[in-house]
């Protein structure tokens, strides 16, 4: 479904820049999420005695750090998912710039 514009060159430029900005923002968000996920996974391993405490039925002094690390992993995965969505939307916007056509003269 082509879209008409009075100045198609400017409209294509705006759509391209907006799409590129979304894709860049999504890429940065994905990288931040990846870092959070990796850091959280490392902290989960370091505080793994808390998991054994749950299994064996005693309170571990690392339980709070273990839960915080698990939350960091979940946050990282959420950020990575949002980043991928933004990249896809940005690339779709850049790809859709070809649908902008000149408006008919009246």
N, C-alpha and C. Protein backbone atom coordinates (compact mmCIF):
# COMPACT_ATOMS: atom_id res chain seq x y z
N UNK A 1 0.84 -1.16 0.00
CA UNK A 1 0.00 0.00 0.00
C UNK A 1 0.89 1.23 0.00
N UNK A 2 1.13 1.81 -1.17
CA UNK A 2 1.98 3.00 -1.24
C UNK A 2 1.35 4.20 -0.53
N UNK A 3 2.19 5.03 0.01
CA UNK A 3 1.78 6.25 0.68
C UNK A 3 2.23 7.42 -0.17
N UNK A 4 1.36 8.42 -0.31
CA UNK A 4 1.74 9.59 -1.12
C UNK A 4 2.23 10.70 -0.20
N UNK A 5 3.14 11.51 -0.74
CA UNK A 5 3.69 12.64 0.01
C UNK A 5 3.98 13.76 -0.97
N UNK A 6 3.84 15.01 -0.49
CA UNK A 6 4.15 16.15 -1.35
C UNK A 6 5.64 16.21 -1.66
N UNK A 7 6.47 15.89 -0.69
CA UNK A 7 7.92 15.87 -0.89
C UNK A 7 8.42 14.46 -0.53
N UNK A 8 8.41 13.54 -1.50
CA UNK A 8 8.76 12.16 -1.17
C UNK A 8 10.21 11.98 -0.74
N UNK A 9 11.09 12.82 -1.24
CA UNK A 9 12.50 12.71 -0.84
C UNK A 9 12.67 12.99 0.64
N UNK A 10 12.02 14.03 1.12
CA UNK A 10 12.11 14.38 2.54
C UNK A 10 11.41 13.31 3.40
N UNK A 11 10.27 12.83 2.92
CA UNK A 11 9.55 11.79 3.67
C UNK A 11 10.38 10.52 3.77
N UNK A 12 11.04 10.15 2.68
CA UNK A 12 11.90 8.96 2.72
C UNK A 12 13.07 9.16 3.68
N UNK A 13 13.63 10.36 3.68
CA UNK A 13 14.73 10.66 4.59
C UNK A 13 14.28 10.55 6.05
N UNK A 14 13.12 11.10 6.36
CA UNK A 14 12.62 11.05 7.73
C UNK A 14 12.36 9.60 8.15
N UNK A 15 11.73 8.83 7.28
CA UNK A 15 11.45 7.42 7.60
C UNK A 15 12.75 6.64 7.76
N UNK A 16 13.72 6.90 6.90
CA UNK A 16 15.01 6.21 6.99
C UNK A 16 15.73 6.56 8.29
N UNK A 17 15.78 7.84 8.64
CA UNK A 17 16.46 8.25 9.86
C UNK A 17 15.75 7.72 11.10
N UNK A 18 14.42 7.75 11.09
CA UNK A 18 13.67 7.21 12.24
C UNK A 18 13.90 5.71 12.38
N UNK A 19 13.89 4.99 11.27
CA UNK A 19 14.14 3.56 11.31
C UNK A 19 15.55 3.24 11.77
N UNK A 20 16.52 4.01 11.29
CA UNK A 20 17.90 3.79 11.71
C UNK A 20 18.07 4.09 13.20
N UNK A 21 17.40 5.14 13.68
CA UNK A 21 17.47 5.46 15.11
C UNK A 21 16.86 4.35 15.96
N UNK A 22 15.73 3.81 15.53
CA UNK A 22 15.11 2.70 16.26
C UNK A 22 16.01 1.46 16.25
N UNK A 23 16.59 1.16 15.10
CA UNK A 23 17.48 0.00 15.01
C UNK A 23 18.72 0.19 15.90
N UNK A 24 19.27 1.39 15.92
CA UNK A 24 20.43 1.68 16.77
C UNK A 24 20.06 1.57 18.24
N UNK A 25 18.93 2.14 18.62
CA UNK A 25 18.47 2.05 20.00
C UNK A 25 18.23 0.59 20.40
N UNK A 26 17.63 -0.17 19.51
CA UNK A 26 17.41 -1.59 19.79
C UNK A 26 18.71 -2.36 19.94
N UNK A 27 19.69 -2.04 19.11
CA UNK A 27 20.99 -2.70 19.23
C UNK A 27 21.68 -2.40 20.55
N UNK A 28 21.61 -1.14 20.97
CA UNK A 28 22.21 -0.76 22.25
C UNK A 28 21.49 -1.45 23.40
N UNK A 29 20.15 -1.46 23.33
CA UNK A 29 19.37 -2.12 24.38
C UNK A 29 19.68 -3.61 24.43
N UNK A 30 19.86 -4.23 23.27
CA UNK A 30 20.21 -5.66 23.23
C UNK A 30 21.57 -5.89 23.87
N UNK A 31 22.54 -5.03 23.57
CA UNK A 31 23.87 -5.19 24.16
C UNK A 31 23.85 -5.03 25.67
N UNK A 32 23.08 -4.05 26.16
CA UNK A 32 22.95 -3.86 27.61
C UNK A 32 22.29 -5.09 28.24
N UNK A 33 21.25 -5.59 27.59
CA UNK A 33 20.58 -6.78 28.10
C UNK A 33 21.49 -7.99 28.11
N UNK A 34 22.31 -8.14 27.08
CA UNK A 34 23.24 -9.25 27.03
C UNK A 34 24.25 -9.16 28.18
N UNK A 35 24.74 -7.97 28.43
CA UNK A 35 25.69 -7.78 29.53
C UNK A 35 25.03 -8.10 30.87
N UNK A 36 23.79 -7.65 31.07
CA UNK A 36 23.09 -7.96 32.31
C UNK A 36 22.85 -9.46 32.46
N UNK A 37 22.51 -10.11 31.37
CA UNK A 37 22.25 -11.55 31.43
C UNK A 37 23.53 -12.32 31.79
N UNK A 38 24.63 -11.98 31.15
CA UNK A 38 25.90 -12.67 31.42
C UNK A 38 26.37 -12.40 32.84
N UNK A 39 26.30 -11.14 33.26
CA UNK A 39 26.72 -10.80 34.63
C UNK A 39 25.85 -11.51 35.65
N UNK A 40 24.54 -11.51 35.41
CA UNK A 40 23.63 -12.20 36.32
C UNK A 40 23.90 -13.69 36.37
N UNK A 41 24.16 -14.30 35.23
CA UNK A 41 24.45 -15.74 35.20
C UNK A 41 25.72 -16.06 35.98
N UNK A 42 26.72 -15.20 35.86
CA UNK A 42 27.95 -15.41 36.62
C UNK A 42 27.70 -15.28 38.12
N UNK A 43 26.88 -14.30 38.50
CA UNK A 43 26.56 -14.11 39.92
C UNK A 43 25.72 -15.27 40.45
N UNK A 44 24.86 -15.84 39.61
CA UNK A 44 24.08 -17.01 40.04
C UNK A 44 25.02 -18.16 40.36
N UNK A 45 26.03 -18.36 39.52
CA UNK A 45 26.99 -19.44 39.78
C UNK A 45 27.80 -19.17 41.04
N UNK A 46 28.20 -17.92 41.25
CA UNK A 46 28.99 -17.59 42.43
C UNK A 46 28.20 -17.79 43.72
N UNK A 47 26.90 -17.54 43.66
CA UNK A 47 26.05 -17.66 44.84
C UNK A 47 25.24 -18.95 44.80
N UNK A 48 25.78 -19.95 44.18
CA UNK A 48 25.07 -21.21 44.01
C UNK A 48 24.79 -21.96 45.31
N UNK A 49 25.50 -21.63 46.37
CA UNK A 49 25.25 -22.31 47.63
C UNK A 49 23.85 -22.01 48.15
N UNK A 50 23.27 -20.89 47.72
CA UNK A 50 21.91 -20.57 48.14
C UNK A 50 20.93 -21.59 47.57
N UNK A 51 21.18 -22.04 46.34
CA UNK A 51 20.31 -23.06 45.76
C UNK A 51 20.42 -24.37 46.54
N UNK A 52 21.63 -24.71 46.97
CA UNK A 52 21.78 -25.93 47.78
C UNK A 52 21.13 -25.74 49.14
N UNK A 53 21.14 -24.53 49.63
CA UNK A 53 20.45 -24.27 50.90
C UNK A 53 18.97 -24.53 50.79
N UNK A 54 18.37 -24.15 49.65
CA UNK A 54 16.95 -24.42 49.44
C UNK A 54 16.70 -25.92 49.37
N UNK A 55 17.58 -26.64 48.69
CA UNK A 55 17.40 -28.09 48.52
C UNK A 55 17.55 -28.81 49.86
N UNK A 56 18.55 -28.42 50.63
CA UNK A 56 18.85 -29.13 51.88
C UNK A 56 18.04 -28.62 53.06
N UNK A 57 17.31 -27.53 52.87
CA UNK A 57 16.42 -27.04 53.91
C UNK A 57 17.05 -26.15 54.95
N UNK A 58 18.11 -25.42 54.62
CA UNK A 58 18.66 -24.45 55.56
C UNK A 58 18.78 -23.09 54.88
N UNK A 59 18.80 -22.05 55.67
CA UNK A 59 18.86 -20.69 55.15
C UNK A 59 20.31 -20.33 54.82
N UNK A 60 20.56 -19.98 53.58
CA UNK A 60 21.90 -19.60 53.16
C UNK A 60 22.09 -18.10 53.33
N UNK A 61 23.30 -17.69 53.67
CA UNK A 61 23.57 -16.26 53.80
C UNK A 61 23.69 -15.58 52.43
N UNK A 62 23.70 -16.36 51.35
CA UNK A 62 23.79 -15.80 50.01
C UNK A 62 22.44 -15.81 49.28
N UNK A 63 21.36 -16.07 49.99
CA UNK A 63 20.05 -16.19 49.35
C UNK A 63 19.63 -14.88 48.68
N UNK A 64 19.87 -13.75 49.34
CA UNK A 64 19.47 -12.46 48.77
C UNK A 64 20.28 -12.16 47.51
N UNK A 65 21.57 -12.43 47.55
CA UNK A 65 22.41 -12.19 46.37
C UNK A 65 22.02 -13.12 45.23
N UNK A 66 21.65 -14.35 45.56
CA UNK A 66 21.22 -15.32 44.55
C UNK A 66 19.94 -14.84 43.86
N UNK A 67 18.97 -14.38 44.65
CA UNK A 67 17.71 -13.89 44.07
C UNK A 67 17.94 -12.63 43.23
N UNK A 68 18.82 -11.74 43.69
CA UNK A 68 19.14 -10.54 42.91
C UNK A 68 19.79 -10.91 41.58
N UNK A 69 20.64 -11.92 41.60
CA UNK A 69 21.29 -12.36 40.37
C UNK A 69 20.28 -12.97 39.41
N UNK A 70 19.34 -13.74 39.93
CA UNK A 70 18.30 -14.32 39.07
C UNK A 70 17.42 -13.22 38.46
N UNK A 71 17.13 -12.18 39.25
CA UNK A 71 16.36 -11.05 38.71
C UNK A 71 17.15 -10.32 37.62
N UNK A 72 18.47 -10.21 37.80
CA UNK A 72 19.30 -9.55 36.79
C UNK A 72 19.30 -10.35 35.49
N UNK A 73 19.31 -11.66 35.58
CA UNK A 73 19.25 -12.50 34.39
C UNK A 73 17.91 -12.28 33.68
N UNK A 74 16.83 -12.26 34.44
CA UNK A 74 15.50 -12.04 33.85
C UNK A 74 15.40 -10.66 33.20
N UNK A 75 15.95 -9.65 33.87
CA UNK A 75 15.94 -8.30 33.31
C UNK A 75 16.74 -8.25 32.02
N UNK A 76 17.88 -8.90 32.00
CA UNK A 76 18.71 -8.95 30.79
C UNK A 76 17.99 -9.60 29.63
N UNK A 77 17.28 -10.70 29.91
CA UNK A 77 16.54 -11.37 28.84
C UNK A 77 15.41 -10.49 28.31
N UNK A 78 14.75 -9.77 29.21
CA UNK A 78 13.69 -8.85 28.79
C UNK A 78 14.25 -7.72 27.93
N UNK A 79 15.38 -7.16 28.34
CA UNK A 79 16.01 -6.09 27.57
C UNK A 79 16.45 -6.59 26.21
N UNK A 80 16.97 -7.80 26.15
CA UNK A 80 17.39 -8.34 24.86
C UNK A 80 16.19 -8.52 23.93
N UNK A 81 15.09 -9.00 24.47
CA UNK A 81 13.88 -9.17 23.66
C UNK A 81 13.35 -7.85 23.14
N UNK A 82 13.33 -6.84 24.00
CA UNK A 82 12.87 -5.52 23.57
C UNK A 82 13.81 -4.94 22.52
N UNK A 83 15.11 -5.17 22.69
CA UNK A 83 16.08 -4.68 21.71
C UNK A 83 15.88 -5.31 20.35
N UNK A 84 15.62 -6.60 20.32
CA UNK A 84 15.38 -7.29 19.04
C UNK A 84 14.13 -6.74 18.37
N UNK A 85 13.08 -6.50 19.15
CA UNK A 85 11.84 -5.95 18.59
C UNK A 85 12.10 -4.57 17.99
N UNK A 86 12.85 -3.72 18.69
CA UNK A 86 13.15 -2.39 18.16
C UNK A 86 13.99 -2.46 16.89
N UNK A 87 14.94 -3.37 16.84
CA UNK A 87 15.76 -3.52 15.63
C UNK A 87 14.88 -3.94 14.46
N UNK A 88 13.99 -4.89 14.68
CA UNK A 88 13.11 -5.36 13.60
C UNK A 88 12.19 -4.25 13.13
N UNK A 89 11.61 -3.49 14.06
CA UNK A 89 10.73 -2.38 13.67
C UNK A 89 11.53 -1.32 12.91
N UNK A 90 12.74 -1.03 13.37
CA UNK A 90 13.57 -0.05 12.67
C UNK A 90 13.93 -0.48 11.27
N UNK A 91 14.29 -1.76 11.11
CA UNK A 91 14.62 -2.26 9.78
C UNK A 91 13.38 -2.30 8.88
N UNK A 92 12.23 -2.60 9.46
CA UNK A 92 10.99 -2.57 8.67
C UNK A 92 10.68 -1.15 8.22
N UNK A 93 10.94 -0.17 9.07
CA UNK A 93 10.71 1.23 8.68
C UNK A 93 11.65 1.64 7.56
N UNK A 94 12.91 1.24 7.66
CA UNK A 94 13.86 1.57 6.59
C UNK A 94 13.45 0.88 5.30
N UNK A 95 13.01 -0.36 5.39
CA UNK A 95 12.58 -1.08 4.20
C UNK A 95 11.30 -0.53 3.59
N UNK A 96 10.47 0.08 4.41
CA UNK A 96 9.19 0.59 3.89
C UNK A 96 9.32 1.96 3.22
N UNK A 97 10.49 2.54 3.23
CA UNK A 97 10.65 3.86 2.62
C UNK A 97 10.36 3.83 1.12
N UNK A 98 10.49 2.67 0.50
CA UNK A 98 10.23 2.55 -0.93
C UNK A 98 8.74 2.67 -1.26
N UNK A 99 7.90 2.59 -0.25
CA UNK A 99 6.46 2.68 -0.47
C UNK A 99 5.97 4.13 -0.57
N UNK A 100 6.84 5.09 -0.33
CA UNK A 100 6.45 6.50 -0.39
C UNK A 100 6.54 6.97 -1.83
N UNK A 101 5.43 7.44 -2.36
CA UNK A 101 5.34 7.89 -3.75
C UNK A 101 5.00 9.38 -3.78
N UNK A 102 5.32 10.03 -4.89
CA UNK A 102 4.94 11.44 -5.02
C UNK A 102 3.42 11.59 -5.08
N UNK A 103 2.93 12.65 -4.48
CA UNK A 103 1.49 12.93 -4.52
C UNK A 103 1.12 13.39 -5.93
N UNK A 104 -0.08 13.06 -6.34
CA UNK A 104 -0.56 13.48 -7.67
C UNK A 104 -0.77 14.99 -7.68
N UNK A 105 -0.37 15.61 -8.77
CA UNK A 105 -0.55 17.06 -8.92
C UNK A 105 -2.03 17.36 -9.13
N UNK A 106 -2.52 18.41 -8.47
CA UNK A 106 -3.93 18.78 -8.62
C UNK A 106 -4.06 20.10 -9.31
